[in-house]
PDB file of all heavy atoms in Angstrom:
ATOM      1  N   ARG A   1     110.892 107.685 111.037  1.00  0.00           N
ATOM      2  CA  ARG A   1     111.835 107.879 112.155  1.00  0.00           C
ATOM      3  C   ARG A   1     112.522 109.237 111.994  1.00  0.00           C
ATOM      4  O   ARG A   1     113.281 109.689 112.955  1.00  0.00           O
ATOM      5  CB  ARG A   1     112.919 106.769 111.990  1.00  0.00           C
ATOM      6  CG  ARG A   1     112.373 105.319 112.256  1.00  0.00           C
ATOM      7  CD  ARG A   1     112.236 105.145 113.784  1.00  0.00           C
ATOM      8  NE  ARG A   1     113.554 105.141 114.454  1.00  0.00           N
ATOM      9  CZ  ARG A   1     114.370 104.084 114.580  1.00  0.00           C
ATOM     10  NH1 ARG A   1     114.021 102.926 114.099  1.00  0.00           N
ATOM     11  NH2 ARG A   1     115.477 104.174 115.220  1.00  0.00           N
ATOM     12  N   ARG A   2     112.369 109.970 110.899  1.00  0.00           N
ATOM     13  CA  ARG A   2     113.077 111.176 110.692  1.00  0.00           C
ATOM     14  C   ARG A   2     112.253 112.445 110.580  1.00  0.00           C
ATOM     15  O   ARG A   2     112.809 113.512 110.338  1.00  0.00           O
ATOM     16  CB  ARG A   2     113.935 111.008 109.369  1.00  0.00           C
ATOM     17  CG  ARG A   2     115.113 109.974 109.542  1.00  0.00           C
ATOM     18  CD  ARG A   2     116.167 110.575 110.457  1.00  0.00           C
ATOM     19  NE  ARG A   2     117.134 109.495 110.817  1.00  0.00           N
ATOM     20  CZ  ARG A   2     117.135 108.874 111.939  1.00  0.00           C
ATOM     21  NH1 ARG A   2     116.068 108.972 112.805  1.00  0.00           N
ATOM     22  NH2 ARG A   2     118.046 107.914 112.231  1.00  0.00           N
ATOM     23  N   THR A   3     110.984 112.302 110.639  1.00  0.00           N
ATOM     24  CA  THR A   3     110.218 113.596 110.465  1.00  0.00           C
ATOM     25  C   THR A   3     109.035 113.628 111.476  1.00  0.00           C
ATOM     26  O   THR A   3     108.433 112.572 111.812  1.00  0.00           O
ATOM     27  CB  THR A   3     109.653 113.591 109.040  1.00  0.00           C
ATOM     28  OG1 THR A   3     108.888 114.844 108.856  1.00  0.00           O
ATOM     29  CG2 THR A   3     108.740 112.431 108.770  1.00  0.00           C
ATOM     30  N   THR A   4     108.718 114.812 111.945  1.00  0.00           N
ATOM     31  CA  THR A   4     107.556 115.088 112.702  1.00  0.00           C
ATOM     32  C   THR A   4     106.717 116.076 112.061  1.00  0.00           C
ATOM     33  O   THR A   4     105.651 116.469 112.625  1.00  0.00           O
ATOM     34  CB  THR A   4     108.020 115.667 114.107  1.00  0.00           C
ATOM     35  OG1 THR A   4     108.774 116.852 113.823  1.00  0.00           O
ATOM     36  CG2 THR A   4     108.886 114.668 114.849  1.00  0.00           C
ATOM     37  N   SER A   5     106.991 116.383 110.824  1.00  0.00           N
ATOM     38  CA  SER A   5     106.221 117.406 110.109  1.00  0.00           C
ATOM     39  C   SER A   5     105.085 116.888 109.275  1.00  0.00           C
ATOM     40  O   SER A   5     104.279 117.612 108.760  1.00  0.00           O
ATOM     41  CB  SER A   5     107.142 118.246 109.214  1.00  0.00           C
ATOM     42  OG  SER A   5     107.818 117.445 108.275  1.00  0.00           O
ATOM     43  N   TRP A   6     104.976 115.547 109.164  1.00  0.00           N
ATOM     44  CA  TRP A   6     103.885 114.881 108.448  1.00  0.00           C
ATOM     45  C   TRP A   6     103.086 114.006 109.321  1.00  0.00           C
ATOM     46  O   TRP A   6     103.621 113.287 110.145  1.00  0.00           O
ATOM     47  CB  TRP A   6     104.516 114.129 107.297  1.00  0.00           C
ATOM     48  CG  TRP A   6     105.186 114.984 106.307  1.00  0.00           C
ATOM     49  CD1 TRP A   6     106.542 115.166 106.263  1.00  0.00           C
ATOM     50  CD2 TRP A   6     104.657 115.665 105.207  1.00  0.00           C
ATOM     51  NE1 TRP A   6     106.934 116.018 105.235  1.00  0.00           N
ATOM     52  CE2 TRP A   6     105.705 116.361 104.579  1.00  0.00           C
ATOM     53  CE3 TRP A   6     103.366 115.952 104.726  1.00  0.00           C
ATOM     54  CZ2 TRP A   6     105.586 117.150 103.452  1.00  0.00           C
ATOM     55  CZ3 TRP A   6     103.186 116.735 103.635  1.00  0.00           C
ATOM     56  CH2 TRP A   6     104.275 117.299 102.972  1.00  0.00           C
ATOM     57  N   SER A   7     101.786 114.012 109.120  1.00  0.00           N
ATOM     58  CA  SER A   7     100.972 113.132 109.885  1.00  0.00           C
ATOM     59  C   SER A   7     101.108 111.703 109.395  1.00  0.00           C
ATOM     60  O   SER A   7     101.659 111.415 108.340  1.00  0.00           O
ATOM     61  CB  SER A   7      99.445 113.527 109.674  1.00  0.00           C
ATOM     62  OG  SER A   7      99.057 113.275 108.328  1.00  0.00           O
ATOM     63  N   ALA A   8     100.654 110.691 110.210  1.00  0.00           N
ATOM     64  CA  ALA A   8     100.751 109.252 109.771  1.00  0.00           C
ATOM     65  C   ALA A   8     100.007 109.055 108.494  1.00  0.00           C
ATOM     66  O   ALA A   8     100.493 108.229 107.668  1.00  0.00           O
ATOM     67  CB  ALA A   8     100.217 108.329 110.876  1.00  0.00           C
ATOM     68  N   ALA A   9      98.974 109.759 108.296  1.00  0.00           N
ATOM     69  CA  ALA A   9      98.144 109.562 107.031  1.00  0.00           C
ATOM     70  C   ALA A   9      98.931 110.137 105.837  1.00  0.00           C
ATOM     71  O   ALA A   9      98.647 109.607 104.710  1.00  0.00           O
ATOM     72  CB  ALA A   9      96.739 110.276 107.198  1.00  0.00           C
ATOM     73  N   MET A  10      99.743 111.082 105.981  1.00  0.00           N
ATOM     74  CA  MET A  10     100.452 111.682 104.860  1.00  0.00           C
ATOM     75  C   MET A  10     101.767 110.944 104.533  1.00  0.00           C
ATOM     76  O   MET A  10     102.267 111.158 103.409  1.00  0.00           O
ATOM     77  CB  MET A  10     100.713 113.176 105.078  1.00  0.00           C
ATOM     78  CG  MET A  10      99.396 114.015 105.173  1.00  0.00           C
ATOM     79  SD  MET A  10      98.459 113.996 103.591  1.00  0.00           S
ATOM     80  CE  MET A  10      99.679 114.842 102.477  1.00  0.00           C
ATOM     81  N   LEU A  11     102.366 110.276 105.504  1.00  0.00           N
ATOM     82  CA  LEU A  11     103.717 109.703 105.311  1.00  0.00           C
ATOM     83  C   LEU A  11     103.661 108.715 104.053  1.00  0.00           C
ATOM     84  O   LEU A  11     104.735 108.762 103.277  1.00  0.00           O
ATOM     85  CB  LEU A  11     104.167 108.963 106.541  1.00  0.00           C
ATOM     86  CG  LEU A  11     104.939 109.781 107.515  1.00  0.00           C
ATOM     87  CD1 LEU A  11     105.304 108.907 108.760  1.00  0.00           C
ATOM     88  CD2 LEU A  11     106.233 110.302 106.853  1.00  0.00           C
ATOM     89  N   PRO A  12     102.702 107.924 103.830  1.00  0.00           N
ATOM     90  CA  PRO A  12     102.822 107.095 102.620  1.00  0.00           C
ATOM     91  C   PRO A  12     102.869 107.931 101.405  1.00  0.00           C
ATOM     92  O   PRO A  12     103.536 107.485 100.407  1.00  0.00           O
ATOM     93  CB  PRO A  12     101.407 106.326 102.669  1.00  0.00           C
ATOM     94  CG  PRO A  12     101.079 106.334 104.103  1.00  0.00           C
ATOM     95  CD  PRO A  12     101.595 107.634 104.742  1.00  0.00           C
ATOM     96  N   HIS A  13     102.232 109.094 101.344  1.00  0.00           N
ATOM     97  CA  HIS A  13     102.269 109.953 100.181  1.00  0.00           C
ATOM     98  C   HIS A  13     103.733 110.609  99.989  1.00  0.00           C
ATOM     99  O   HIS A  13     104.191 110.800  98.848  1.00  0.00           O
ATOM    100  CB  HIS A  13     101.272 110.934 100.250  1.00  0.00           C
ATOM    101  CG  HIS A  13      99.894 110.481 100.226  1.00  0.00           C
ATOM    102  ND1 HIS A  13      99.191 110.083  99.037  1.00  0.00           N
ATOM    103  CD2 HIS A  13      99.058 110.075 101.247  1.00  0.00           C
ATOM    104  CE1 HIS A  13      98.001 109.602  99.361  1.00  0.00           C
ATOM    105  NE2 HIS A  13      97.861 109.584 100.590  1.00  0.00           N
ATOM    106  N   VAL A  14     104.293 110.834 101.136  1.00  0.00           N
ATOM    107  CA  VAL A  14     105.665 111.326 101.091  1.00  0.00           C
ATOM    108  C   VAL A  14     106.641 110.286 100.547  1.00  0.00           C
ATOM    109  O   VAL A  14     107.529 110.540  99.639  1.00  0.00           O
ATOM    110  CB  VAL A  14     106.186 111.775 102.540  1.00  0.00           C
ATOM    111  CG1 VAL A  14     107.644 112.230 102.520  1.00  0.00           C
ATOM    112  CG2 VAL A  14     105.247 112.955 103.043  1.00  0.00           C
ATOM    113  N   ALA A  15     106.391 109.018 101.019  1.00  0.00           N
ATOM    114  CA  ALA A  15     107.257 107.940 100.526  1.00  0.00           C
ATOM    115  C   ALA A  15     107.022 107.698  98.960  1.00  0.00           C
ATOM    116  O   ALA A  15     108.058 107.533  98.278  1.00  0.00           O
ATOM    117  CB  ALA A  15     106.914 106.664 101.285  1.00  0.00           C
ATOM    118  N   ILE A  16     105.872 107.814  98.481  1.00  0.00           N
ATOM    119  CA  ILE A  16     105.562 107.644  97.069  1.00  0.00           C
ATOM    120  C   ILE A  16     106.228 108.815  96.307  1.00  0.00           C
ATOM    121  O   ILE A  16     106.888 108.597  95.244  1.00  0.00           O
ATOM    122  CB  ILE A  16     104.018 107.675  96.830  1.00  0.00           C
ATOM    123  CG1 ILE A  16     103.407 106.386  97.388  1.00  0.00           C
ATOM    124  CG2 ILE A  16     103.768 107.787  95.329  1.00  0.00           C
ATOM    125  CD1 ILE A  16     101.864 106.481  97.499  1.00  0.00           C
ATOM    126  N   GLY A  17     106.205 110.006  96.770  1.00  0.00           N
ATOM    127  CA  GLY A  17     106.885 111.172  96.173  1.00  0.00           C
ATOM    128  C   GLY A  17     108.350 110.963  96.024  1.00  0.00           C
ATOM    129  O   GLY A  17     109.009 111.201  95.008  1.00  0.00           O
ATOM    130  N   PHE A  18     108.925 110.532  97.148  1.00  0.00           N
ATOM    131  CA  PHE A  18     110.352 110.253  97.213  1.00  0.00           C
ATOM    132  C   PHE A  18     110.719 109.177  96.262  1.00  0.00           C
ATOM    133  O   PHE A  18     111.746 109.286  95.528  1.00  0.00           O
ATOM    134  CB  PHE A  18     110.756 109.799  98.667  1.00  0.00           C
ATOM    135  CG  PHE A  18     112.132 109.483  98.861  1.00  0.00           C
ATOM    136  CD1 PHE A  18     113.186 110.241  98.358  1.00  0.00           C
ATOM    137  CD2 PHE A  18     112.488 108.359  99.643  1.00  0.00           C
ATOM    138  CE1 PHE A  18     114.468 109.919  98.587  1.00  0.00           C
ATOM    139  CE2 PHE A  18     113.856 107.973  99.848  1.00  0.00           C
ATOM    140  CZ  PHE A  18     114.793 108.828  99.341  1.00  0.00           C
ATOM    141  N   TYR A  19     109.918 108.068  96.165  1.00  0.00           N
ATOM    142  CA  TYR A  19     110.155 107.052  95.179  1.00  0.00           C
ATOM    143  C   TYR A  19     110.209 107.665  93.753  1.00  0.00           C
ATOM    144  O   TYR A  19     111.135 107.249  92.961  1.00  0.00           O
ATOM    145  CB  TYR A  19     109.039 106.040  95.327  1.00  0.00           C
ATOM    146  CG  TYR A  19     109.068 104.965  94.203  1.00  0.00           C
ATOM    147  CD1 TYR A  19     109.896 103.856  94.230  1.00  0.00           C
ATOM    148  CD2 TYR A  19     108.230 105.158  93.107  1.00  0.00           C
ATOM    149  CE1 TYR A  19     109.852 102.975  93.147  1.00  0.00           C
ATOM    150  CE2 TYR A  19     108.249 104.226  91.987  1.00  0.00           C
ATOM    151  CZ  TYR A  19     109.102 103.181  92.014  1.00  0.00           C
ATOM    152  OH  TYR A  19     109.045 102.222  90.993  1.00  0.00           O
ATOM    153  N   HIS A  20     109.229 108.443  93.391  1.00  0.00           N
ATOM    154  CA  HIS A  20     109.263 108.959  92.106  1.00  0.00           C
ATOM    155  C   HIS A  20     110.388 109.900  91.762  1.00  0.00           C
ATOM    156  O   HIS A  20     110.917 110.028  90.614  1.00  0.00           O
ATOM    157  CB  HIS A  20     107.866 109.656  91.748  1.00  0.00           C
ATOM    158  CG  HIS A  20     106.718 108.731  91.570  1.00  0.00           C
ATOM    159  ND1 HIS A  20     106.679 107.955  90.434  1.00  0.00           N
ATOM    160  CD2 HIS A  20     105.714 108.392  92.277  1.00  0.00           C
ATOM    161  CE1 HIS A  20     105.627 107.171  90.522  1.00  0.00           C
ATOM    162  NE2 HIS A  20     104.936 107.395  91.598  1.00  0.00           N
ATOM    163  N   LEU A  21     110.844 110.689  92.757  1.00  0.00           N
ATOM    164  CA  LEU A  21     112.015 111.511  92.608  1.00  0.00           C
ATOM    165  C   LEU A  21     113.240 110.772  92.159  1.00  0.00           C
ATOM    166  O   LEU A  21     114.037 111.263  91.355  1.00  0.00           O
ATOM    167  CB  LEU A  21     112.283 112.359  93.820  1.00  0.00           C
ATOM    168  CG  LEU A  21     111.314 113.606  94.151  1.00  0.00           C
ATOM    169  CD1 LEU A  21     111.730 114.194  95.459  1.00  0.00           C
ATOM    170  CD2 LEU A  21     111.414 114.569  93.030  1.00  0.00           C
ATOM    171  N   ILE A  22     113.445 109.578  92.707  1.00  0.00           N
ATOM    172  CA  ILE A  22     114.633 108.842  92.473  1.00  0.00           C
ATOM    173  C   ILE A  22     114.381 107.821  91.340  1.00  0.00           C
ATOM    174  O   ILE A  22     115.003 107.852  90.281  1.00  0.00           O
ATOM    175  CB  ILE A  22     115.097 108.074  93.706  1.00  0.00           C
ATOM    176  CG1 ILE A  22     115.555 109.104  94.759  1.00  0.00           C
ATOM    177  CG2 ILE A  22     116.325 107.086  93.336  1.00  0.00           C
ATOM    178  CD1 ILE A  22     116.140 108.487  96.047  1.00  0.00           C
ATOM    179  N   PHE A  23     113.481 106.878  91.464  1.00  0.00           N
ATOM    180  CA  PHE A  23     113.226 105.798  90.496  1.00  0.00           C
ATOM    181  C   PHE A  23     112.627 106.442  89.217  1.00  0.00           C
ATOM    182  O   PHE A  23     113.016 105.983  88.108  1.00  0.00           O
ATOM    183  CB  PHE A  23     112.278 104.744  91.095  1.00  0.00           C
ATOM    184  CG  PHE A  23     112.882 103.951  92.077  1.00  0.00           C
ATOM    185  CD1 PHE A  23     113.158 104.431  93.468  1.00  0.00           C
ATOM    186  CD2 PHE A  23     113.293 102.657  91.904  1.00  0.00           C
ATOM    187  CE1 PHE A  23     113.713 103.665  94.466  1.00  0.00           C
ATOM    188  CE2 PHE A  23     113.836 101.848  92.913  1.00  0.00           C
ATOM    189  CZ  PHE A  23     114.051 102.421  94.141  1.00  0.00           C
ATOM    190  N   GLY A  24     111.772 107.442  89.362  1.00  0.00           N
ATOM    191  CA  GLY A  24     111.101 107.985  88.246  1.00  0.00           C
ATOM    192  C   GLY A  24     112.100 108.670  87.249  1.00  0.00           C
ATOM    193  O   GLY A  24     111.937 108.651  86.044  1.00  0.00           O
ATOM    194  N   TYR A  25     113.140 109.216  87.839  1.00  0.00           N
ATOM    195  CA  TYR A  25     114.174 109.816  87.009  1.00  0.00           C
ATOM    196  C   TYR A  25     114.787 108.847  86.049  1.00  0.00           C
ATOM    197  O   TYR A  25     114.996 109.149  84.763  1.00  0.00           O
ATOM    198  CB  TYR A  25     115.237 110.485  87.863  1.00  0.00           C
ATOM    199  CG  TYR A  25     116.379 111.113  87.104  1.00  0.00           C
ATOM    200  CD1 TYR A  25     116.188 112.416  86.548  1.00  0.00           C
ATOM    201  CD2 TYR A  25     117.545 110.482  86.905  1.00  0.00           C
ATOM    202  CE1 TYR A  25     117.155 113.046  85.878  1.00  0.00           C
ATOM    203  CE2 TYR A  25     118.525 111.186  86.140  1.00  0.00           C
ATOM    204  CZ  TYR A  25     118.310 112.371  85.662  1.00  0.00           C
ATOM    205  OH  TYR A  25     119.364 113.003  84.954  1.00  0.00           O
ATOM    206  N   PHE A  26     115.121 107.697  86.475  1.00  0.00           N
ATOM    207  CA  PHE A  26     115.778 106.701  85.700  1.00  0.00           C
ATOM    208  C   PHE A  26     114.791 106.011  84.660  1.00  0.00           C
ATOM    209  O   PHE A  26     115.144 105.701  83.596  1.00  0.00           O
ATOM    210  CB  PHE A  26     116.404 105.584  86.501  1.00  0.00           C
ATOM    211  CG  PHE A  26     117.626 106.158  87.260  1.00  0.00           C
ATOM    212  CD1 PHE A  26     117.582 106.600  88.576  1.00  0.00           C
ATOM    213  CD2 PHE A  26     118.851 106.249  86.619  1.00  0.00           C
ATOM    214  CE1 PHE A  26     118.672 107.069  89.217  1.00  0.00           C
ATOM    215  CE2 PHE A  26     119.939 106.792  87.249  1.00  0.00           C
ATOM    216  CZ  PHE A  26     119.908 107.158  88.546  1.00  0.00           C
ATOM    217  N   VAL A  27     113.519 105.833  85.115  1.00  0.00           N
ATOM    218  CA  VAL A  27     112.465 105.397  84.218  1.00  0.00           C
ATOM    219  C   VAL A  27     112.225 106.345  83.040  1.00  0.00           C
ATOM    220  O   VAL A  27     112.155 105.858  81.905  1.00  0.00           O
ATOM    221  CB  VAL A  27     111.161 105.163  84.957  1.00  0.00           C
ATOM    222  CG1 VAL A  27     110.033 104.873  83.975  1.00  0.00           C
ATOM    223  CG2 VAL A  27     111.269 104.038  85.939  1.00  0.00           C
ATOM    224  N   SER A  28     112.293 107.611  83.394  1.00  0.00           N
ATOM    225  CA  SER A  28     112.029 108.729  82.378  1.00  0.00           C
ATOM    226  C   SER A  28     113.235 109.111  81.533  1.00  0.00           C
ATOM    227  O   SER A  28     113.128 109.969  80.671  1.00  0.00           O
ATOM    228  CB  SER A  28     111.441 109.942  83.011  1.00  0.00           C
ATOM    229  OG  SER A  28     110.245 109.547  83.730  1.00  0.00           O
ATOM    230  N   ALA A  29     114.399 108.538  81.840  1.00  0.00           N
ATOM    231  CA  ALA A  29     115.657 109.067  81.187  1.00  0.00           C
ATOM    232  C   ALA A  29     115.667 108.979  79.699  1.00  0.00           C
ATOM    233  O   ALA A  29     116.029 110.040  79.112  1.00  0.00           O
ATOM    234  CB  ALA A  29     116.836 108.187  81.766  1.00  0.00           C
ATOM    235  N   PRO A  30     115.137 107.973  79.099  1.00  0.00           N
ATOM    236  CA  PRO A  30     115.109 107.954  77.626  1.00  0.00           C
ATOM    237  C   PRO A  30     114.165 109.071  77.063  1.00  0.00           C
ATOM    238  O   PRO A  30     114.521 109.662  76.003  1.00  0.00           O
ATOM    239  CB  PRO A  30     114.508 106.553  77.313  1.00  0.00           C
ATOM    240  CG  PRO A  30     114.862 105.692  78.433  1.00  0.00           C
ATOM    241  CD  PRO A  30     114.713 106.648  79.660  1.00  0.00           C
ATOM    242  N   LEU A  31     113.088 109.345  77.683  1.00  0.00           N
ATOM    243  CA  LEU A  31     112.203 110.350  77.380  1.00  0.00           C
ATOM    244  C   LEU A  31     112.838 111.772  77.510  1.00  0.00           C
ATOM    245  O   LEU A  31     112.760 112.610  76.615  1.00  0.00           O
ATOM    246  CB  LEU A  31     110.828 110.320  78.102  1.00  0.00           C
ATOM    247  CG  LEU A  31     109.897 111.469  77.889  1.00  0.00           C
ATOM    248  CD1 LEU A  31     109.477 111.410  76.434  1.00  0.00           C
ATOM    249  CD2 LEU A  31     108.694 111.300  78.857  1.00  0.00           C
ATOM    250  N   LEU A  32     113.525 111.974  78.615  1.00  0.00           N
ATOM    251  CA  LEU A  32     114.255 113.226  78.863  1.00  0.00           C
ATOM    252  C   LEU A  32     115.336 113.473  77.824  1.00  0.00           C
ATOM    253  O   LEU A  32     115.542 114.547  77.367  1.00  0.00           O
ATOM    254  CB  LEU A  32     114.873 113.200  80.269  1.00  0.00           C
ATOM    255  CG  LEU A  32     113.929 113.116  81.476  1.00  0.00           C
ATOM    256  CD1 LEU A  32     114.660 112.992  82.784  1.00  0.00           C
ATOM    257  CD2 LEU A  32     113.007 114.339  81.495  1.00  0.00           C
ATOM    258  N   GLU A  33     116.039 112.461  77.453  1.00  0.00           N
ATOM    259  CA  GLU A  33     117.063 112.536  76.487  1.00  0.00           C
ATOM    260  C   GLU A  33     116.477 112.813  75.089  1.00  0.00           C
ATOM    261  O   GLU A  33     117.087 113.625  74.384  1.00  0.00           O
ATOM    262  CB  GLU A  33     117.902 111.211  76.376  1.00  0.00           C
ATOM    263  CG  GLU A  33     118.724 111.066  77.708  1.00  0.00           C
ATOM    264  CD  GLU A  33     119.457 109.718  77.752  1.00  0.00           C
ATOM    265  OE1 GLU A  33     119.125 108.803  76.969  1.00  0.00           O
ATOM    266  OE2 GLU A  33     120.284 109.550  78.660  1.00  0.00           O
ATOM    267  N   ALA A  34     115.357 112.300  74.782  1.00  0.00           N
ATOM    268  CA  ALA A  34     114.808 112.509  73.432  1.00  0.00           C
ATOM    269  C   ALA A  34     114.110 113.857  73.371  1.00  0.00           C
ATOM    270  O   ALA A  34     114.219 114.586  72.349  1.00  0.00           O
ATOM    271  CB  ALA A  34     113.734 111.402  73.056  1.00  0.00           C
TER     272      ALA A  34
END
């Protein structure tokens, strides 16, 4: 609903990348701290 710069085929990959930017940070927090 917010972008016209990605094709329908690429949007799932954008969503996956977005997920990792947020959720992945907290998953990796212990590793980052160590």
